[in-house]
N, C-alpha and C. Protein backbone atom coordinates (compact mmCIF):
# COMPACT_ATOMS: atom_id res chain seq x y z
N MET A 1 5.80 13.66 3.34
CA MET A 1 4.39 13.42 3.08
C MET A 1 3.94 14.28 1.92
N ASN A 2 3.08 13.69 1.13
CA ASN A 2 2.41 14.44 0.07
C ASN A 2 0.92 14.20 0.27
N LEU A 3 0.26 15.14 0.91
CA LEU A 3 -1.16 14.97 1.26
C LEU A 3 -2.05 14.95 0.03
N VAL A 4 -1.67 15.66 -1.01
CA VAL A 4 -2.48 15.68 -2.24
C VAL A 4 -2.54 14.29 -2.85
N HIS A 5 -1.40 13.60 -2.86
CA HIS A 5 -1.33 12.27 -3.47
C HIS A 5 -1.54 11.14 -2.46
N GLY A 6 -1.68 11.47 -1.19
CA GLY A 6 -1.89 10.43 -0.18
C GLY A 6 -0.68 9.53 0.01
N LEU A 7 0.50 10.11 -0.06
CA LEU A 7 1.76 9.38 -0.02
C LEU A 7 2.60 9.83 1.17
N ALA A 8 3.23 8.87 1.84
CA ALA A 8 4.15 9.21 2.93
C ALA A 8 5.26 8.18 2.99
N GLU A 9 6.41 8.59 3.52
CA GLU A 9 7.53 7.69 3.71
C GLU A 9 7.67 7.37 5.20
N CYS A 10 7.87 6.11 5.50
CA CYS A 10 8.10 5.66 6.88
C CYS A 10 9.60 5.56 7.12
N ALA A 11 10.00 5.94 8.31
CA ALA A 11 11.40 5.81 8.71
C ALA A 11 11.45 5.36 10.15
N TYR A 12 12.52 4.69 10.53
CA TYR A 12 12.66 4.19 11.90
C TYR A 12 14.13 4.06 12.23
N TRP A 13 14.40 4.10 13.52
CA TRP A 13 15.75 3.92 14.04
C TRP A 13 15.60 3.26 15.39
N VAL A 14 16.32 2.21 15.63
CA VAL A 14 16.23 1.48 16.89
C VAL A 14 17.60 1.49 17.56
N LEU A 15 17.61 1.84 18.82
CA LEU A 15 18.86 1.84 19.58
C LEU A 15 19.42 0.42 19.67
N PRO A 16 20.75 0.30 19.73
CA PRO A 16 21.37 -1.03 19.71
C PRO A 16 20.83 -2.02 20.74
N ASN A 17 20.54 -1.56 21.95
CA ASN A 17 20.09 -2.51 22.98
C ASN A 17 18.66 -3.00 22.76
N ALA A 18 17.92 -2.40 21.84
CA ALA A 18 16.55 -2.83 21.57
C ALA A 18 16.43 -3.56 20.22
N ARG A 19 17.52 -3.65 19.49
CA ARG A 19 17.48 -4.30 18.18
C ARG A 19 17.22 -5.79 18.34
N ARG A 20 16.59 -6.37 17.32
CA ARG A 20 16.25 -7.80 17.26
C ARG A 20 15.21 -8.20 18.30
N SER A 21 14.48 -7.21 18.83
CA SER A 21 13.42 -7.49 19.81
C SER A 21 12.03 -7.44 19.18
N GLY A 22 11.95 -7.05 17.92
CA GLY A 22 10.66 -6.94 17.24
C GLY A 22 9.98 -5.60 17.41
N VAL A 23 10.64 -4.66 18.07
CA VAL A 23 10.01 -3.36 18.31
C VAL A 23 9.78 -2.58 17.02
N ALA A 24 10.72 -2.64 16.08
CA ALA A 24 10.56 -1.87 14.84
C ALA A 24 9.39 -2.39 13.99
N PRO A 25 9.29 -3.71 13.73
CA PRO A 25 8.13 -4.18 12.96
C PRO A 25 6.79 -3.88 13.64
N ARG A 26 6.74 -3.98 14.95
CA ARG A 26 5.49 -3.66 15.68
C ARG A 26 5.15 -2.18 15.53
N ALA A 27 6.15 -1.31 15.67
CA ALA A 27 5.90 0.13 15.54
C ALA A 27 5.48 0.49 14.12
N VAL A 28 6.16 -0.07 13.12
CA VAL A 28 5.81 0.21 11.73
C VAL A 28 4.41 -0.29 11.42
N ALA A 29 4.06 -1.48 11.91
CA ALA A 29 2.71 -2.02 11.68
C ALA A 29 1.65 -1.12 12.31
N THR A 30 1.91 -0.60 13.48
CA THR A 30 0.95 0.27 14.17
C THR A 30 0.77 1.58 13.40
N VAL A 31 1.87 2.20 13.02
CA VAL A 31 1.80 3.47 12.28
C VAL A 31 1.16 3.24 10.90
N THR A 32 1.47 2.13 10.28
CA THR A 32 0.91 1.82 8.96
C THR A 32 -0.61 1.66 9.04
N ALA A 33 -1.08 0.92 10.03
CA ALA A 33 -2.53 0.75 10.20
C ALA A 33 -3.21 2.09 10.38
N TRP A 34 -2.64 2.94 11.22
CA TRP A 34 -3.22 4.27 11.44
C TRP A 34 -3.21 5.08 10.15
N ALA A 35 -2.06 5.12 9.46
CA ALA A 35 -1.92 5.96 8.27
C ALA A 35 -2.86 5.54 7.15
N LEU A 36 -2.99 4.22 6.93
CA LEU A 36 -3.82 3.74 5.82
C LEU A 36 -5.30 3.66 6.18
N ASP A 37 -5.60 3.31 7.43
CA ASP A 37 -7.00 3.09 7.82
C ASP A 37 -7.69 4.32 8.37
N GLU A 38 -6.94 5.19 9.05
CA GLU A 38 -7.57 6.32 9.72
C GLU A 38 -7.16 7.68 9.15
N ALA A 39 -5.89 7.84 8.83
CA ALA A 39 -5.41 9.16 8.40
C ALA A 39 -5.68 9.44 6.93
N GLY A 40 -6.04 8.41 6.18
CA GLY A 40 -6.43 8.63 4.79
C GLY A 40 -5.32 8.53 3.76
N PHE A 41 -4.14 8.07 4.16
CA PHE A 41 -3.08 7.88 3.17
C PHE A 41 -3.42 6.69 2.29
N HIS A 42 -2.94 6.73 1.05
CA HIS A 42 -3.16 5.63 0.12
C HIS A 42 -1.92 4.75 -0.02
N ARG A 43 -0.74 5.36 0.10
CA ARG A 43 0.52 4.64 -0.13
C ARG A 43 1.56 5.07 0.89
N LEU A 44 2.27 4.09 1.45
CA LEU A 44 3.40 4.35 2.35
C LEU A 44 4.63 3.67 1.77
N GLU A 45 5.77 4.32 1.88
CA GLU A 45 7.01 3.78 1.36
C GLU A 45 8.08 3.69 2.44
N ILE A 46 8.95 2.70 2.29
CA ILE A 46 10.16 2.59 3.10
C ILE A 46 11.31 2.45 2.12
N ALA A 47 12.31 3.30 2.27
CA ALA A 47 13.51 3.24 1.43
C ALA A 47 14.72 3.04 2.35
N HIS A 48 15.61 2.13 1.97
CA HIS A 48 16.81 1.89 2.77
C HIS A 48 17.95 1.44 1.87
N SER A 49 19.16 1.62 2.33
CA SER A 49 20.33 1.15 1.60
C SER A 49 20.22 -0.36 1.37
N VAL A 50 20.64 -0.81 0.19
CA VAL A 50 20.61 -2.25 -0.07
C VAL A 50 21.54 -3.00 0.89
N ASN A 51 22.48 -2.29 1.51
CA ASN A 51 23.39 -2.91 2.47
C ASN A 51 22.77 -3.07 3.86
N ASN A 52 21.59 -2.49 4.10
CA ASN A 52 20.97 -2.52 5.41
C ASN A 52 19.95 -3.67 5.48
N GLU A 53 20.47 -4.86 5.74
CA GLU A 53 19.62 -6.05 5.77
C GLU A 53 18.59 -6.00 6.89
N ALA A 54 18.93 -5.37 8.01
CA ALA A 54 17.98 -5.26 9.12
C ALA A 54 16.76 -4.45 8.71
N SER A 55 16.96 -3.33 8.02
CA SER A 55 15.83 -2.53 7.57
C SER A 55 15.00 -3.29 6.54
N CYS A 56 15.65 -4.08 5.72
CA CYS A 56 14.92 -4.87 4.74
C CYS A 56 14.01 -5.87 5.46
N ARG A 57 14.51 -6.50 6.53
CA ARG A 57 13.69 -7.45 7.32
C ARG A 57 12.52 -6.74 7.98
N VAL A 58 12.75 -5.54 8.52
CA VAL A 58 11.66 -4.78 9.16
C VAL A 58 10.58 -4.48 8.14
N ALA A 59 10.97 -3.99 6.97
CA ALA A 59 10.00 -3.64 5.93
C ALA A 59 9.19 -4.87 5.53
N THR A 60 9.87 -5.98 5.29
CA THR A 60 9.19 -7.21 4.87
C THR A 60 8.27 -7.73 5.96
N LYS A 61 8.74 -7.78 7.20
CA LYS A 61 7.91 -8.25 8.32
C LYS A 61 6.69 -7.35 8.53
N SER A 62 6.79 -6.09 8.13
CA SER A 62 5.70 -5.13 8.29
C SER A 62 4.74 -5.13 7.10
N GLY A 63 4.95 -6.05 6.17
CA GLY A 63 4.04 -6.18 5.03
C GLY A 63 4.32 -5.26 3.86
N PHE A 64 5.48 -4.64 3.84
CA PHE A 64 5.86 -3.77 2.73
C PHE A 64 6.50 -4.62 1.63
N VAL A 65 6.01 -4.46 0.42
CA VAL A 65 6.50 -5.23 -0.72
C VAL A 65 7.72 -4.55 -1.33
N LEU A 66 8.75 -5.33 -1.60
CA LEU A 66 9.93 -4.79 -2.28
C LEU A 66 9.55 -4.53 -3.73
N GLU A 67 9.61 -3.27 -4.13
CA GLU A 67 9.22 -2.89 -5.49
C GLU A 67 10.41 -2.77 -6.43
N GLY A 68 11.60 -2.56 -5.88
CA GLY A 68 12.76 -2.46 -6.76
C GLY A 68 13.92 -1.75 -6.11
N THR A 69 14.93 -1.50 -6.91
CA THR A 69 16.16 -0.86 -6.46
C THR A 69 16.34 0.46 -7.20
N LEU A 70 16.54 1.52 -6.43
CA LEU A 70 16.84 2.84 -6.97
C LEU A 70 18.36 2.97 -6.98
N ARG A 71 18.94 3.05 -8.15
CA ARG A 71 20.39 3.07 -8.26
C ARG A 71 20.97 4.40 -7.79
N SER A 72 21.96 4.32 -6.92
CA SER A 72 22.72 5.49 -6.45
C SER A 72 21.80 6.60 -5.95
N ALA A 73 20.77 6.21 -5.21
CA ALA A 73 19.70 7.15 -4.85
C ALA A 73 19.93 7.91 -3.55
N ARG A 74 20.73 7.39 -2.64
CA ARG A 74 20.90 8.04 -1.34
C ARG A 74 22.37 8.34 -1.09
N LEU A 75 22.63 9.56 -0.64
CA LEU A 75 23.98 9.95 -0.27
C LEU A 75 24.13 9.74 1.23
N GLN A 76 25.10 8.92 1.61
CA GLN A 76 25.39 8.68 3.02
C GLN A 76 26.84 9.04 3.28
N ARG A 77 27.27 8.93 4.53
CA ARG A 77 28.63 9.38 4.90
C ARG A 77 29.71 8.73 4.05
N ASP A 78 29.50 7.48 3.68
CA ASP A 78 30.53 6.76 2.93
C ASP A 78 30.30 6.79 1.42
N GLY A 79 29.39 7.63 0.96
CA GLY A 79 29.16 7.77 -0.48
C GLY A 79 27.73 7.43 -0.85
N ARG A 80 27.49 7.29 -2.15
CA ARG A 80 26.15 6.99 -2.67
C ARG A 80 25.86 5.51 -2.53
N HIS A 81 24.58 5.24 -2.22
CA HIS A 81 24.13 3.86 -2.05
C HIS A 81 22.94 3.59 -2.96
N ASP A 82 22.90 2.37 -3.49
CA ASP A 82 21.67 1.90 -4.11
C ASP A 82 20.66 1.73 -2.99
N THR A 83 19.39 1.90 -3.31
CA THR A 83 18.33 1.93 -2.30
C THR A 83 17.21 0.99 -2.69
N HIS A 84 16.80 0.15 -1.74
CA HIS A 84 15.59 -0.65 -1.94
C HIS A 84 14.38 0.22 -1.65
N LEU A 85 13.34 0.05 -2.46
CA LEU A 85 12.07 0.74 -2.24
C LEU A 85 11.01 -0.31 -1.96
N HIS A 86 10.40 -0.22 -0.78
CA HIS A 86 9.28 -1.08 -0.37
C HIS A 86 8.04 -0.20 -0.26
N ALA A 87 6.87 -0.78 -0.45
CA ALA A 87 5.64 0.02 -0.31
C ALA A 87 4.48 -0.84 0.17
N ARG A 88 3.54 -0.17 0.84
CA ARG A 88 2.23 -0.72 1.17
C ARG A 88 1.21 0.26 0.64
N VAL A 89 0.13 -0.27 0.08
CA VAL A 89 -0.95 0.58 -0.38
C VAL A 89 -2.24 0.13 0.31
N ARG A 90 -3.16 1.06 0.43
CA ARG A 90 -4.44 0.75 1.05
C ARG A 90 -5.04 -0.45 0.33
N GLY A 91 -5.49 -1.42 1.09
CA GLY A 91 -6.08 -2.63 0.52
C GLY A 91 -5.13 -3.82 0.50
N ASP A 92 -3.82 -3.59 0.71
CA ASP A 92 -2.90 -4.72 0.82
C ASP A 92 -3.28 -5.55 2.03
N ALA A 93 -3.10 -6.84 1.92
CA ALA A 93 -3.42 -7.74 3.05
C ALA A 93 -2.38 -7.66 4.12
């Protein structure tokens, strides 16, 4: 979080037995509404490996716009990954 700039990153993890149930998009939508409408944030971001199609679906279903790809931006166990960056800003529909 950067309170001066009104920026925060959203992250989520869903246990295998709860995946594909819609819990992640519902949780992200709830936190997003609170962060943008009540807590005073202006921008929220979700970043995930381009190989993580499930996270891409969660971000999109939660109203986060894909803004682009950050090349070699995240180090994971199997090496560096390109990263999709999604965002919502106050006033997005």
